[in-house]
Amino acid sequence: MNRTLLLPLAALISVAALSGCTRTSYAIQTNDARTIISDGKPKEAPTGLLEFTDANGVKQQINKSEVKQVTELPK
């Protein structure tokens, strides 16, 4: 295969593969009107806490009773 065609084809395949790996952000609205942005979907822990990674990459937990709503943010 021609080298001038091989390099752009490999770049295109790489970009297509990486675009499928983007994470979705979620907005967590609390009862006291705060909004927390999470990187990835929050998970419910057996202890009654909602575990998530915030927009700064720090792992956080919040009591599930303090959460009013969790919504997915559009990309």
N, C-alpha and C. Protein backbone atom coordinates (compact mmCIF):
# COMPACT_ATOMS: atom_id res chain seq x y z
N MET A 1 0.84 -1.18 0.00
CA MET A 1 0.00 0.00 0.00
C MET A 1 0.90 1.25 0.00
N ASN A 2 0.45 2.26 -0.64
CA ASN A 2 1.22 3.48 -0.77
C ASN A 2 1.36 4.17 0.59
N ARG A 3 2.58 4.62 0.94
CA ARG A 3 2.84 5.27 2.23
C ARG A 3 2.05 6.55 2.40
N THR A 4 1.82 7.29 1.34
CA THR A 4 1.09 8.55 1.45
C THR A 4 -0.37 8.31 1.80
N LEU A 5 -0.87 7.15 1.53
CA LEU A 5 -2.25 6.81 1.88
C LEU A 5 -2.32 6.11 3.24
N LEU A 6 -1.29 5.40 3.61
CA LEU A 6 -1.28 4.62 4.85
C LEU A 6 -1.30 5.50 6.09
N LEU A 7 -0.51 6.56 6.13
CA LEU A 7 -0.45 7.42 7.31
C LEU A 7 -1.78 8.14 7.58
N PRO A 8 -2.41 8.78 6.59
CA PRO A 8 -3.72 9.40 6.87
C PRO A 8 -4.79 8.38 7.26
N LEU A 9 -4.73 7.19 6.69
CA LEU A 9 -5.70 6.16 7.05
C LEU A 9 -5.52 5.73 8.50
N ALA A 10 -4.28 5.57 8.94
CA ALA A 10 -4.01 5.19 10.34
C ALA A 10 -4.47 6.30 11.29
N ALA A 11 -4.24 7.55 10.91
CA ALA A 11 -4.67 8.67 11.74
C ALA A 11 -6.19 8.71 11.85
N LEU A 12 -6.88 8.47 10.76
CA LEU A 12 -8.34 8.46 10.76
C LEU A 12 -8.90 7.36 11.65
N ILE A 13 -8.32 6.19 11.59
CA ILE A 13 -8.76 5.07 12.42
C ILE A 13 -8.52 5.37 13.89
N SER A 14 -7.38 5.99 14.21
CA SER A 14 -7.07 6.34 15.60
C SER A 14 -8.06 7.35 16.15
N VAL A 15 -8.37 8.37 15.38
CA VAL A 15 -9.33 9.39 15.82
C VAL A 15 -10.71 8.77 16.03
N ALA A 16 -11.11 7.90 15.13
CA ALA A 16 -12.42 7.26 15.25
C ALA A 16 -12.48 6.38 16.50
N ALA A 17 -11.39 5.69 16.81
CA ALA A 17 -11.36 4.82 17.99
C ALA A 17 -11.40 5.64 19.27
N LEU A 18 -10.67 6.75 19.30
CA LEU A 18 -10.63 7.56 20.50
C LEU A 18 -11.91 8.34 20.73
N SER A 19 -12.63 8.68 19.71
CA SER A 19 -13.87 9.44 19.88
C SER A 19 -14.94 8.62 20.58
N GLY A 20 -14.87 7.32 20.50
CA GLY A 20 -15.82 6.47 21.18
C GLY A 20 -15.53 6.32 22.66
N CYS A 21 -14.40 6.81 23.13
CA CYS A 21 -13.98 6.66 24.52
C CYS A 21 -14.27 7.90 25.37
N THR A 22 -15.00 8.85 24.86
CA THR A 22 -15.28 10.04 25.64
C THR A 22 -16.24 9.71 26.76
N ARG A 23 -16.05 10.38 27.89
CA ARG A 23 -16.90 10.15 29.05
C ARG A 23 -18.01 11.17 29.09
N THR A 24 -19.11 10.77 29.62
CA THR A 24 -20.26 11.65 29.76
C THR A 24 -20.21 12.31 31.14
N SER A 25 -20.56 13.57 31.21
CA SER A 25 -20.62 14.28 32.48
C SER A 25 -22.06 14.29 32.98
N TYR A 26 -22.21 14.36 34.29
CA TYR A 26 -23.52 14.40 34.92
C TYR A 26 -23.60 15.58 35.86
N ALA A 27 -24.78 16.17 35.98
CA ALA A 27 -25.03 17.24 36.94
C ALA A 27 -25.79 16.65 38.11
N ILE A 28 -25.26 16.87 39.30
CA ILE A 28 -25.90 16.39 40.52
C ILE A 28 -26.48 17.61 41.23
N GLN A 29 -27.80 17.71 41.29
CA GLN A 29 -28.45 18.82 41.99
C GLN A 29 -28.77 18.36 43.41
N THR A 30 -28.39 19.19 44.39
CA THR A 30 -28.63 18.85 45.79
C THR A 30 -29.86 19.59 46.30
N ASN A 31 -30.33 19.18 47.47
CA ASN A 31 -31.50 19.80 48.08
C ASN A 31 -31.27 21.25 48.48
N ASP A 32 -30.00 21.64 48.69
CA ASP A 32 -29.70 23.02 49.06
C ASP A 32 -29.29 23.87 47.85
N ALA A 33 -29.74 23.47 46.65
CA ALA A 33 -29.60 24.21 45.40
C ALA A 33 -28.18 24.28 44.85
N ARG A 34 -27.28 23.40 45.28
CA ARG A 34 -25.95 23.33 44.68
C ARG A 34 -26.01 22.42 43.46
N THR A 35 -25.13 22.66 42.50
CA THR A 35 -24.98 21.78 41.35
C THR A 35 -23.54 21.33 41.29
N ILE A 36 -23.34 20.03 41.28
CA ILE A 36 -22.01 19.44 41.22
C ILE A 36 -21.89 18.73 39.88
N ILE A 37 -20.80 18.97 39.16
CA ILE A 37 -20.56 18.31 37.88
C ILE A 37 -19.64 17.12 38.12
N SER A 38 -20.06 15.95 37.66
CA SER A 38 -19.24 14.75 37.81
C SER A 38 -18.70 14.32 36.45
N ASP A 39 -17.54 13.72 36.49
CA ASP A 39 -16.93 13.15 35.29
C ASP A 39 -17.26 11.66 35.28
N GLY A 40 -18.22 11.28 34.47
CA GLY A 40 -18.70 9.90 34.45
C GLY A 40 -19.93 9.76 35.33
N LYS A 41 -20.58 8.64 35.23
CA LYS A 41 -21.84 8.40 35.94
C LYS A 41 -21.57 8.13 37.42
N PRO A 42 -22.28 8.82 38.32
CA PRO A 42 -22.14 8.54 39.75
C PRO A 42 -22.65 7.13 40.08
N LYS A 43 -22.04 6.52 41.08
CA LYS A 43 -22.41 5.16 41.48
C LYS A 43 -22.92 5.18 42.91
N GLU A 44 -23.94 4.40 43.15
CA GLU A 44 -24.48 4.30 44.50
C GLU A 44 -23.70 3.27 45.30
N ALA A 45 -23.20 3.65 46.44
CA ALA A 45 -22.46 2.75 47.33
C ALA A 45 -23.45 2.05 48.26
N PRO A 46 -23.08 0.88 48.77
CA PRO A 46 -23.97 0.17 49.69
C PRO A 46 -24.21 0.93 50.99
N THR A 47 -23.38 1.92 51.29
CA THR A 47 -23.50 2.69 52.53
C THR A 47 -24.52 3.82 52.43
N GLY A 48 -25.16 3.99 51.27
CA GLY A 48 -26.14 5.06 51.10
C GLY A 48 -25.53 6.35 50.57
N LEU A 49 -24.28 6.28 50.14
CA LEU A 49 -23.60 7.44 49.58
C LEU A 49 -23.56 7.34 48.07
N LEU A 50 -23.50 8.48 47.42
CA LEU A 50 -23.34 8.55 45.98
C LEU A 50 -21.88 8.89 45.72
N GLU A 51 -21.17 8.00 45.03
CA GLU A 51 -19.74 8.18 44.75
C GLU A 51 -19.57 8.68 43.33
N PHE A 52 -18.70 9.66 43.15
CA PHE A 52 -18.45 10.21 41.82
C PHE A 52 -17.08 10.86 41.79
N THR A 53 -16.59 11.11 40.59
CA THR A 53 -15.36 11.87 40.39
C THR A 53 -15.77 13.24 39.88
N ASP A 54 -15.32 14.29 40.58
CA ASP A 54 -15.75 15.63 40.17
C ASP A 54 -14.99 16.10 38.94
N ALA A 55 -15.31 17.29 38.46
CA ALA A 55 -14.73 17.82 37.23
C ALA A 55 -13.22 18.03 37.35
N ASN A 56 -12.71 18.12 38.59
CA ASN A 56 -11.27 18.30 38.81
C ASN A 56 -10.53 16.96 38.94
N GLY A 57 -11.26 15.85 38.85
CA GLY A 57 -10.64 14.53 38.94
C GLY A 57 -10.51 14.00 40.35
N VAL A 58 -11.17 14.64 41.32
CA VAL A 58 -11.10 14.22 42.72
C VAL A 58 -12.31 13.34 43.03
N LYS A 59 -12.06 12.19 43.67
CA LYS A 59 -13.16 11.29 44.05
C LYS A 59 -13.90 11.90 45.23
N GLN A 60 -15.23 11.94 45.12
CA GLN A 60 -16.08 12.56 46.13
C GLN A 60 -17.21 11.60 46.49
N GLN A 61 -17.83 11.87 47.63
CA GLN A 61 -19.02 11.14 48.07
C GLN A 61 -20.00 12.15 48.64
N ILE A 62 -21.27 11.90 48.43
CA ILE A 62 -22.32 12.74 49.00
C ILE A 62 -23.44 11.81 49.46
N ASN A 63 -24.06 12.18 50.56
CA ASN A 63 -25.16 11.39 51.08
C ASN A 63 -26.31 11.40 50.08
N LYS A 64 -26.84 10.24 49.77
CA LYS A 64 -27.90 10.13 48.77
C LYS A 64 -29.15 10.91 49.17
N SER A 65 -29.39 11.08 50.45
CA SER A 65 -30.56 11.83 50.90
C SER A 65 -30.43 13.32 50.61
N GLU A 66 -29.21 13.80 50.34
CA GLU A 66 -28.98 15.20 50.01
C GLU A 66 -29.13 15.49 48.52
N VAL A 67 -29.27 14.44 47.71
CA VAL A 67 -29.33 14.59 46.26
C VAL A 67 -30.79 14.70 45.81
N LYS A 68 -31.07 15.76 45.07
CA LYS A 68 -32.42 15.96 44.55
C LYS A 68 -32.58 15.28 43.20
N GLN A 69 -31.55 15.44 42.31
CA GLN A 69 -31.66 14.92 40.95
C GLN A 69 -30.27 14.73 40.35
N VAL A 70 -30.14 13.71 39.52
CA VAL A 70 -28.91 13.49 38.73
C VAL A 70 -29.32 13.44 37.27
N THR A 71 -28.71 14.32 36.46
CA THR A 71 -29.05 14.37 35.05
C THR A 71 -27.79 14.33 34.19
N GLU A 72 -27.91 13.68 33.05
CA GLU A 72 -26.80 13.61 32.10
C GLU A 72 -26.71 14.93 31.34
N LEU A 73 -25.49 15.44 31.21
CA LEU A 73 -25.28 16.68 30.48
C LEU A 73 -25.07 16.37 29.00
N PRO A 74 -25.64 17.19 28.12
CA PRO A 74 -25.42 16.96 26.69
C PRO A 74 -23.97 17.22 26.32
N LYS A 75 -23.49 16.50 25.32
CA LYS A 75 -22.09 16.62 24.89
C LYS A 75 -21.87 17.86 24.10
